[in-house]
Amino acid sequence: MIVWCMTLFGLGILAFLDTFFNYGDIFRRVNSVLFMLLSLGLLVRTYMMMKLQTKEKLVNRNTELEKQIGTSGKTRQEEPELVR
């Protein structure tokens, strides 16, 4: 993720320099497409990390509740009674 952020920063610097040195129309098109793709990648990555964090919180809460009731993640099975 840090690589994507550094790439976006670099593209931003190039876009800023484009205002002074006028790199050309092709550069602007390619730069805008790269900006969109990288920002989309960052959005997807951030969304997935938030989703993963939510699942991790639920697993931790589940483990905590299991410890409170004393099952420690194992289901207790009662032995059947013998009928005489």
PDB file of N, CA and C in Angstrom:
ATOM      1  N   MET A   1       0.826  -1.183   0.000  1.00  0.00           N
ATOM      2  CA  MET A   1       0.000   0.000   0.000  1.00  0.00           C
ATOM      3  C   MET A   1       0.872   1.250   0.000  1.00  0.00           C
ATOM      4  N   ILE A   2       2.005   1.184   0.688  1.00  0.00           N
ATOM      5  CA  ILE A   2       2.896   2.329   0.720  1.00  0.00           C
ATOM      6  C   ILE A   2       3.482   2.588  -0.666  1.00  0.00           C
ATOM      7  N   VAL A   3       3.684   1.512  -1.438  1.00  0.00           N
ATOM      8  CA  VAL A   3       4.204   1.669  -2.800  1.00  0.00           C
ATOM      9  C   VAL A   3       3.184   2.396  -3.665  1.00  0.00           C
ATOM     10  N   TRP A   4       1.910   2.042  -3.513  1.00  0.00           N
ATOM     11  CA  TRP A   4       0.868   2.710  -4.285  1.00  0.00           C
ATOM     12  C   TRP A   4       0.796   4.187  -3.916  1.00  0.00           C
ATOM     13  N   CYS A   5       0.890   4.488  -2.637  1.00  0.00           N
ATOM     14  CA  CYS A   5       0.845   5.887  -2.193  1.00  0.00           C
ATOM     15  C   CYS A   5       2.043   6.668  -2.734  1.00  0.00           C
ATOM     16  N   MET A   6       3.212   6.057  -2.717  1.00  0.00           N
ATOM     17  CA  MET A   6       4.400   6.731  -3.250  1.00  0.00           C
ATOM     18  C   MET A   6       4.272   6.940  -4.760  1.00  0.00           C
ATOM     19  N   THR A   7       3.680   5.975  -5.459  1.00  0.00           N
ATOM     20  CA  THR A   7       3.466   6.121  -6.896  1.00  0.00           C
ATOM     21  C   THR A   7       2.491   7.251  -7.193  1.00  0.00           C
ATOM     22  N   LEU A   8       1.409   7.330  -6.428  1.00  0.00           N
ATOM     23  CA  LEU A   8       0.468   8.439  -6.596  1.00  0.00           C
ATOM     24  C   LEU A   8       1.141   9.776  -6.327  1.00  0.00           C
ATOM     25  N   PHE A   9       1.976   9.834  -5.307  1.00  0.00           N
ATOM     26  CA  PHE A   9       2.690  11.058  -4.994  1.00  0.00           C
ATOM     27  C   PHE A   9       3.612  11.446  -6.149  1.00  0.00           C
ATOM     28  N   GLY A  10       4.314  10.459  -6.710  1.00  0.00           N
ATOM     29  CA  GLY A  10       5.189  10.715  -7.852  1.00  0.00           C
ATOM     30  C   GLY A  10       4.418  11.215  -9.063  1.00  0.00           C
ATOM     31  N   LEU A  11       3.259  10.602  -9.313  1.00  0.00           N
ATOM     32  CA  LEU A  11       2.431  11.066 -10.430  1.00  0.00           C
ATOM     33  C   LEU A  11       1.926  12.482 -10.193  1.00  0.00           C
ATOM     34  N   GLY A  12       1.638  12.797  -8.951  1.00  0.00           N
ATOM     35  CA  GLY A  12       1.220  14.150  -8.625  1.00  0.00           C
ATOM     36  C   GLY A  12       2.324  15.164  -8.876  1.00  0.00           C
ATOM     37  N   ILE A  13       3.545  14.783  -8.522  1.00  0.00           N
ATOM     38  CA  ILE A  13       4.683  15.677  -8.785  1.00  0.00           C
ATOM     39  C   ILE A  13       4.872  15.864 -10.295  1.00  0.00           C
ATOM     40  N   LEU A  14       4.765  14.772 -11.059  1.00  0.00           N
ATOM     41  CA  LEU A  14       4.885  14.881 -12.508  1.00  0.00           C
ATOM     42  C   LEU A  14       3.771  15.746 -13.105  1.00  0.00           C
ATOM     43  N   ALA A  15       2.557  15.614 -12.585  1.00  0.00           N
ATOM     44  CA  ALA A  15       1.459  16.448 -13.075  1.00  0.00           C
ATOM     45  C   ALA A  15       1.714  17.919 -12.742  1.00  0.00           C
ATOM     46  N   PHE A  16       2.283  18.188 -11.568  1.00  0.00           N
ATOM     47  CA  PHE A  16       2.624  19.563 -11.199  1.00  0.00           C
ATOM     48  C   PHE A  16       3.703  20.118 -12.129  1.00  0.00           C
ATOM     49  N   LEU A  17       4.719  19.289 -12.403  1.00  0.00           N
ATOM     50  CA  LEU A  17       5.781  19.728 -13.309  1.00  0.00           C
ATOM     51  C   LEU A  17       5.267  19.904 -14.739  1.00  0.00           C
ATOM     52  N   ASP A  18       4.223  19.164 -15.095  1.00  0.00           N
ATOM     53  CA  ASP A  18       3.635  19.289 -16.426  1.00  0.00           C
ATOM     54  C   ASP A  18       3.071  20.685 -16.658  1.00  0.00           C
ATOM     55  N   THR A  19       2.596  21.332 -15.593  1.00  0.00           N
ATOM     56  CA  THR A  19       2.075  22.688 -15.758  1.00  0.00           C
ATOM     57  C   THR A  19       3.179  23.659 -16.144  1.00  0.00           C
ATOM     58  N   PHE A  20       4.420  23.395 -15.754  1.00  0.00           N
ATOM     59  CA  PHE A  20       5.529  24.294 -16.088  1.00  0.00           C
ATOM     60  C   PHE A  20       6.219  23.901 -17.398  1.00  0.00           C
ATOM     61  N   PHE A  21       6.428  22.600 -17.607  1.00  0.00           N
ATOM     62  CA  PHE A  21       7.241  22.157 -18.741  1.00  0.00           C
ATOM     63  C   PHE A  21       6.441  21.615 -19.914  1.00  0.00           C
ATOM     64  N   ASN A  22       5.129  21.427 -19.749  1.00  0.00           N
ATOM     65  CA  ASN A  22       4.234  20.985 -20.823  1.00  0.00           C
ATOM     66  C   ASN A  22       4.753  19.713 -21.511  1.00  0.00           C
ATOM     67  N   TYR A  23       4.626  18.578 -20.808  1.00  0.00           N
ATOM     68  CA  TYR A  23       5.107  17.301 -21.328  1.00  0.00           C
ATOM     69  C   TYR A  23       4.314  16.814 -22.535  1.00  0.00           C
ATOM     70  N   GLY A  24       3.080  17.198 -22.657  1.00  0.00           N
ATOM     71  CA  GLY A  24       2.304  16.817 -23.829  1.00  0.00           C
ATOM     72  C   GLY A  24       0.978  16.176 -23.481  1.00  0.00           C
ATOM     73  N   ASP A  25       0.155  16.025 -24.507  1.00  0.00           N
ATOM     74  CA  ASP A  25      -1.208  15.521 -24.331  1.00  0.00           C
ATOM     75  C   ASP A  25      -1.216  14.040 -23.949  1.00  0.00           C
ATOM     76  N   ILE A  26      -0.310  13.249 -24.510  1.00  0.00           N
ATOM     77  CA  ILE A  26      -0.273  11.814 -24.201  1.00  0.00           C
ATOM     78  C   ILE A  26       0.050  11.607 -22.726  1.00  0.00           C
ATOM     79  N   PHE A  27       0.981  12.401 -22.198  1.00  0.00           N
ATOM     80  CA  PHE A  27       1.330  12.279 -20.782  1.00  0.00           C
ATOM     81  C   PHE A  27       0.116  12.544 -19.899  1.00  0.00           C
ATOM     82  N   ARG A  28      -0.671  13.559 -20.247  1.00  0.00           N
ATOM     83  CA  ARG A  28      -1.853  13.887 -19.431  1.00  0.00           C
ATOM     84  C   ARG A  28      -2.865  12.751 -19.434  1.00  0.00           C
ATOM     85  N   ARG A  29      -3.067  12.138 -20.584  1.00  0.00           N
ATOM     86  CA  ARG A  29      -4.023  11.029 -20.675  1.00  0.00           C
ATOM     87  C   ARG A  29      -3.540   9.822 -19.863  1.00  0.00           C
ATOM     88  N   VAL A  30      -2.287   9.471 -20.048  1.00  0.00           N
ATOM     89  CA  VAL A  30      -1.732   8.319 -19.327  1.00  0.00           C
ATOM     90  C   VAL A  30      -1.709   8.600 -17.830  1.00  0.00           C
ATOM     91  N   ASN A  31      -1.328   9.805 -17.456  1.00  0.00           N
ATOM     92  CA  ASN A  31      -1.261  10.167 -16.043  1.00  0.00           C
ATOM     93  C   ASN A  31      -2.643  10.103 -15.398  1.00  0.00           C
ATOM     94  N   SER A  32      -3.664  10.581 -16.086  1.00  0.00           N
ATOM     95  CA  SER A  32      -5.007  10.554 -15.510  1.00  0.00           C
ATOM     96  C   SER A  32      -5.507   9.118 -15.355  1.00  0.00           C
ATOM     97  N   VAL A  33      -5.210   8.260 -16.336  1.00  0.00           N
ATOM     98  CA  VAL A  33      -5.621   6.853 -16.237  1.00  0.00           C
ATOM     99  C   VAL A  33      -4.892   6.169 -15.076  1.00  0.00           C
ATOM    100  N   LEU A  34      -3.599   6.438 -14.934  1.00  0.00           N
ATOM    101  CA  LEU A  34      -2.849   5.843 -13.820  1.00  0.00           C
ATOM    102  C   LEU A  34      -3.371   6.328 -12.478  1.00  0.00           C
ATOM    103  N   PHE A  35      -3.709   7.619 -12.393  1.00  0.00           N
ATOM    104  CA  PHE A  35      -4.298   8.146 -11.163  1.00  0.00           C
ATOM    105  C   PHE A  35      -5.577   7.394 -10.817  1.00  0.00           C
ATOM    106  N   MET A  36      -6.447   7.209 -11.809  1.00  0.00           N
ATOM    107  CA  MET A  36      -7.716   6.527 -11.553  1.00  0.00           C
ATOM    108  C   MET A  36      -7.506   5.081 -11.130  1.00  0.00           C
ATOM    109  N   LEU A  37      -6.626   4.358 -11.823  1.00  0.00           N
ATOM    110  CA  LEU A  37      -6.400   2.952 -11.489  1.00  0.00           C
ATOM    111  C   LEU A  37      -5.766   2.787 -10.117  1.00  0.00           C
ATOM    112  N   LEU A  38      -4.784   3.619  -9.809  1.00  0.00           N
ATOM    113  CA  LEU A  38      -4.136   3.504  -8.501  1.00  0.00           C
ATOM    114  C   LEU A  38      -5.078   3.905  -7.374  1.00  0.00           C
ATOM    115  N   SER A  39      -5.876   4.933  -7.586  1.00  0.00           N
ATOM    116  CA  SER A  39      -6.816   5.321  -6.530  1.00  0.00           C
ATOM    117  C   SER A  39      -7.892   4.255  -6.358  1.00  0.00           C
ATOM    118  N   LEU A  40      -8.313   3.618  -7.449  1.00  0.00           N
ATOM    119  CA  LEU A  40      -9.264   2.511  -7.336  1.00  0.00           C
ATOM    120  C   LEU A  40      -8.648   1.355  -6.562  1.00  0.00           C
ATOM    121  N   GLY A  41      -7.396   1.053  -6.838  1.00  0.00           N
ATOM    122  CA  GLY A  41      -6.701   0.001  -6.098  1.00  0.00           C
ATOM    123  C   GLY A  41      -6.601   0.319  -4.623  1.00  0.00           C
ATOM    124  N   LEU A  42      -6.298   1.567  -4.287  1.00  0.00           N
ATOM    125  CA  LEU A  42      -6.233   1.967  -2.878  1.00  0.00           C
ATOM    126  C   LEU A  42      -7.595   1.865  -2.204  1.00  0.00           C
ATOM    127  N   LEU A  43      -8.646   2.249  -2.917  1.00  0.00           N
ATOM    128  CA  LEU A  43      -9.997   2.149  -2.345  1.00  0.00           C
ATOM    129  C   LEU A  43     -10.376   0.692  -2.081  1.00  0.00           C
ATOM    130  N   VAL A  44     -10.085  -0.191  -3.032  1.00  0.00           N
ATOM    131  CA  VAL A  44     -10.403  -1.614  -2.862  1.00  0.00           C
ATOM    132  C   VAL A  44      -9.600  -2.194  -1.707  1.00  0.00           C
ATOM    133  N   ARG A  45      -8.313  -1.853  -1.647  1.00  0.00           N
ATOM    134  CA  ARG A  45      -7.453  -2.355  -0.569  1.00  0.00           C
ATOM    135  C   ARG A  45      -7.942  -1.872   0.800  1.00  0.00           C
ATOM    136  N   THR A  46      -8.319  -0.608   0.884  1.00  0.00           N
ATOM    137  CA  THR A  46      -8.819  -0.059   2.144  1.00  0.00           C
ATOM    138  C   THR A  46     -10.123  -0.743   2.544  1.00  0.00           C
ATOM    139  N   TYR A  47     -11.001  -0.972   1.580  1.00  0.00           N
ATOM    140  CA  TYR A  47     -12.271  -1.642   1.860  1.00  0.00           C
ATOM    141  C   TYR A  47     -12.038  -3.066   2.366  1.00  0.00           C
ATOM    142  N   MET A  48     -11.125  -3.785   1.715  1.00  0.00           N
ATOM    143  CA  MET A  48     -10.840  -5.153   2.135  1.00  0.00           C
ATOM    144  C   MET A  48     -10.222  -5.193   3.529  1.00  0.00           C
ATOM    145  N   MET A  49      -9.356  -4.239   3.834  1.00  0.00           N
ATOM    146  CA  MET A  49      -8.744  -4.194   5.161  1.00  0.00           C
ATOM    147  C   MET A  49      -9.791  -3.896   6.235  1.00  0.00           C
ATOM    148  N   MET A  50     -10.742  -3.010   5.933  1.00  0.00           N
ATOM    149  CA  MET A  50     -11.815  -2.721   6.889  1.00  0.00           C
ATOM    150  C   MET A  50     -12.672  -3.955   7.113  1.00  0.00           C
ATOM    151  N   LYS A  51     -12.957  -4.682   6.048  1.00  0.00           N
ATOM    152  CA  LYS A  51     -13.756  -5.899   6.143  1.00  0.00           C
ATOM    153  C   LYS A  51     -13.025  -6.956   6.977  1.00  0.00           C
ATOM    154  N   LEU A  52     -11.729  -7.103   6.733  1.00  0.00           N
ATOM    155  CA  LEU A  52     -10.915  -8.061   7.473  1.00  0.00           C
ATOM    156  C   LEU A  52     -10.846  -7.691   8.948  1.00  0.00           C
ATOM    157  N   GLN A  53     -10.726  -6.406   9.223  1.00  0.00           N
ATOM    158  CA  GLN A  53     -10.659  -5.945  10.607  1.00  0.00           C
ATOM    159  C   GLN A  53     -11.968  -6.247  11.338  1.00  0.00           C
ATOM    160  N   THR A  54     -13.102  -6.074  10.643  1.00  0.00           N
ATOM    161  CA  THR A  54     -14.401  -6.382  11.252  1.00  0.00           C
ATOM    162  C   THR A  54     -14.490  -7.864  11.587  1.00  0.00           C
ATOM    163  N   LYS A  55     -14.052  -8.724  10.657  1.00  0.00           N
ATOM    164  CA  LYS A  55     -14.080 -10.164  10.913  1.00  0.00           C
ATOM    165  C   LYS A  55     -13.161 -10.531  12.074  1.00  0.00           C
ATOM    166  N   GLU A  56     -12.001  -9.886  12.141  1.00  0.00           N
ATOM    167  CA  GLU A  56     -11.062 -10.163  13.219  1.00  0.00           C
ATOM    168  C   GLU A  56     -11.651  -9.768  14.569  1.00  0.00           C
ATOM    169  N   LYS A  57     -12.353  -8.650  14.617  1.00  0.00           N
ATOM    170  CA  LYS A  57     -13.005  -8.223  15.856  1.00  0.00           C
ATOM    171  C   LYS A  57     -14.063  -9.233  16.277  1.00  0.00           C
ATOM    172  N   LEU A  58     -14.825  -9.740  15.300  1.00  0.00           N
ATOM    173  CA  LEU A  58     -15.863 -10.717  15.626  1.00  0.00           C
ATOM    174  C   LEU A  58     -15.268 -12.014  16.148  1.00  0.00           C
ATOM    175  N   VAL A  59     -14.172 -12.461  15.555  1.00  0.00           N
ATOM    176  CA  VAL A  59     -13.511 -13.687  16.012  1.00  0.00           C
ATOM    177  C   VAL A  59     -12.971 -13.487  17.430  1.00  0.00           C
ATOM    178  N   ASN A  60     -12.347 -12.338  17.680  1.00  0.00           N
ATOM    179  CA  ASN A  60     -11.832 -12.063  19.022  1.00  0.00           C
ATOM    180  C   ASN A  60     -12.953 -12.005  20.045  1.00  0.00           C
ATOM    181  N   ARG A  61     -14.068 -11.392  19.683  1.00  0.00           N
ATOM    182  CA  ARG A  61     -15.211 -11.304  20.600  1.00  0.00           C
ATOM    183  C   ARG A  61     -15.788 -12.691  20.855  1.00  0.00           C
ATOM    184  N   ASN A  62     -15.844 -13.522  19.822  1.00  0.00           N
ATOM    185  CA  ASN A  62     -16.347 -14.885  19.964  1.00  0.00           C
ATOM    186  C   ASN A  62     -15.458 -15.683  20.913  1.00  0.00           C
ATOM    187  N   THR A  63     -14.151 -15.560  20.750  1.00  0.00           N
ATOM    188  CA  THR A  63     -13.214 -16.249  21.621  1.00  0.00           C
ATOM    189  C   THR A  63     -13.370 -15.783  23.066  1.00  0.00           C
ATOM    190  N   GLU A  64     -13.538 -14.487  23.231  1.00  0.00           N
ATOM    191  CA  GLU A  64     -13.718 -13.933  24.574  1.00  0.00           C
ATOM    192  C   GLU A  64     -14.988 -14.470  25.229  1.00  0.00           C
ATOM    193  N   LEU A  65     -16.067 -14.547  24.471  1.00  0.00           N
ATOM    194  CA  LEU A  65     -17.323 -15.066  25.014  1.00  0.00           C
ATOM    195  C   LEU A  65     -17.221 -16.556  25.329  1.00  0.00           C
ATOM    196  N   GLU A  66     -16.500 -17.306  24.496  1.00  0.00           N
ATOM    197  CA  GLU A  66     -16.315 -18.727  24.771  1.00  0.00           C
ATOM    198  C   GLU A  66     -15.530 -18.928  26.059  1.00  0.00           C
ATOM    199  N   LYS A  67     -14.545 -18.089  26.303  1.00  0.00           N
ATOM    200  CA  LYS A  67     -13.785 -18.187  27.540  1.00  0.00           C
ATOM    201  C   LYS A  67     -14.663 -17.864  28.748  1.00  0.00           C
ATOM    202  N   GLN A  68     -15.582 -16.906  28.569  1.00  0.00           N
ATOM    203  CA  GLN A  68     -16.460 -16.533  29.672  1.00  0.00           C
ATOM    204  C   GLN A  68     -17.391 -17.666  30.065  1.00  0.00           C
ATOM    205  N   ILE A  69     -17.876 -18.420  29.083  1.00  0.00           N
ATOM    206  CA  ILE A  69     -18.787 -19.521  29.428  1.00  0.00           C
ATOM    207  C   ILE A  69     -18.042 -20.814  29.706  1.00  0.00           C
ATOM    208  N   GLY A  70     -16.736 -20.834  29.435  1.00  0.00           N
ATOM    209  CA  GLY A  70     -15.925 -21.970  29.828  1.00  0.00           C
ATOM    210  C   GLY A  70     -15.836 -23.098  28.828  1.00  0.00           C
ATOM    211  N   THR A  71     -16.280 -22.903  27.610  1.00  0.00           N
ATOM    212  CA  THR A  71     -16.209 -24.002  26.645  1.00  0.00           C
ATOM    213  C   THR A  71     -14.894 -24.016  25.889  1.00  0.00           C
ATOM    214  N   SER A  72     -14.210 -22.903  25.843  1.00  0.00           N
ATOM    215  CA  SER A  72     -12.926 -22.738  25.155  1.00  0.00           C
ATOM    216  C   SER A  72     -12.955 -23.260  23.724  1.00  0.00           C
ATOM    217  N   GLY A  73     -14.072 -22.997  23.037  1.00  0.00           N
ATOM    218  CA  GLY A  73     -14.151 -23.346  21.624  1.00  0.00           C
ATOM    219  C   GLY A  73     -14.561 -24.766  21.329  1.00  0.00           C
ATOM    220  N   LYS A  74     -14.757 -25.619  22.340  1.00  0.00           N
ATOM    221  CA  LYS A  74     -15.140 -27.011  22.107  1.00  0.00           C
ATOM    222  C   LYS A  74     -16.601 -27.183  22.525  1.00  0.00           C
ATOM    223  N   THR A  75     -17.315 -27.918  21.755  1.00  0.00           N
ATOM    224  CA  THR A  75     -18.700 -28.202  22.121  1.00  0.00           C
ATOM    225  C   THR A  75     -18.714 -29.424  23.021  1.00  0.00           C
ATOM    226  N   ARG A  76     -19.481 -29.316  24.056  1.00  0.00           N
ATOM    227  CA  ARG A  76     -19.571 -30.459  24.988  1.00  0.00           C
ATOM    228  C   ARG A  76     -20.620 -31.425  24.474  1.00  0.00           C
ATOM    229  N   GLN A  77     -20.261 -32.662  24.455  1.00  0.00           N
ATOM    230  CA  GLN A  77     -21.219 -33.701  24.069  1.00  0.00           C
ATOM    231  C   GLN A  77     -21.472 -34.582  25.285  1.00  0.00           C
ATOM    232  N   GLU A  78     -22.730 -34.675  25.629  1.00  0.00           N
ATOM    233  CA  GLU A  78     -23.084 -35.512  26.771  1.00  0.00           C
ATOM    234  C   GLU A  78     -23.195 -36.957  26.326  1.00  0.00           C
ATOM    235  N   GLU A  79     -22.755 -37.840  27.205  1.00  0.00           N
ATOM    236  CA  GLU A  79     -22.861 -39.260  26.876  1.00  0.00           C
ATOM    237  C   GLU A  79     -24.311 -39.697  27.064  1.00  0.00           C
ATOM    238  N   PRO A  80     -24.770 -40.545  26.181  1.00  0.00           N
ATOM    239  CA  PRO A  80     -26.169 -41.005  26.312  1.00  0.00           C
ATOM    240  C   PRO A  80     -26.324 -41.893  27.550  1.00  0.00           C
ATOM    241  N   GLU A  81     -27.476 -41.774  28.160  1.00  0.00           N
ATOM    242  CA  GLU A  81     -27.751 -42.589  29.344  1.00  0.00           C
ATOM    243  C   GLU A  81     -28.164 -43.994  28.907  1.00  0.00           C
ATOM    244  N   LEU A  82     -27.700 -44.955  29.670  1.00  0.00           N
ATOM    245  CA  LEU A  82     -28.088 -46.329  29.398  1.00  0.00           C
ATOM    246  C   LEU A  82     -29.468 -46.594  29.987  1.00  0.00           C
ATOM    247  N   VAL A  83     -30.311 -47.187  29.202  1.00  0.00           N
ATOM    248  CA  VAL A  83     -31.652 -47.510  29.669  1.00  0.00           C
ATOM    249  C   VAL A  83     -31.640 -48.952  30.159  1.00  0.00           C
ATOM    250  N   ARG A  84     -32.129 -49.204  31.398  1.00  0.00           N
ATOM    251  CA  ARG A  84     -32.132 -50.560  31.961  1.00  0.00           C
ATOM    252  C   ARG A  84     -33.517 -51.040  32.164  1.00  0.00           C
TER     253      ARG A  84
END
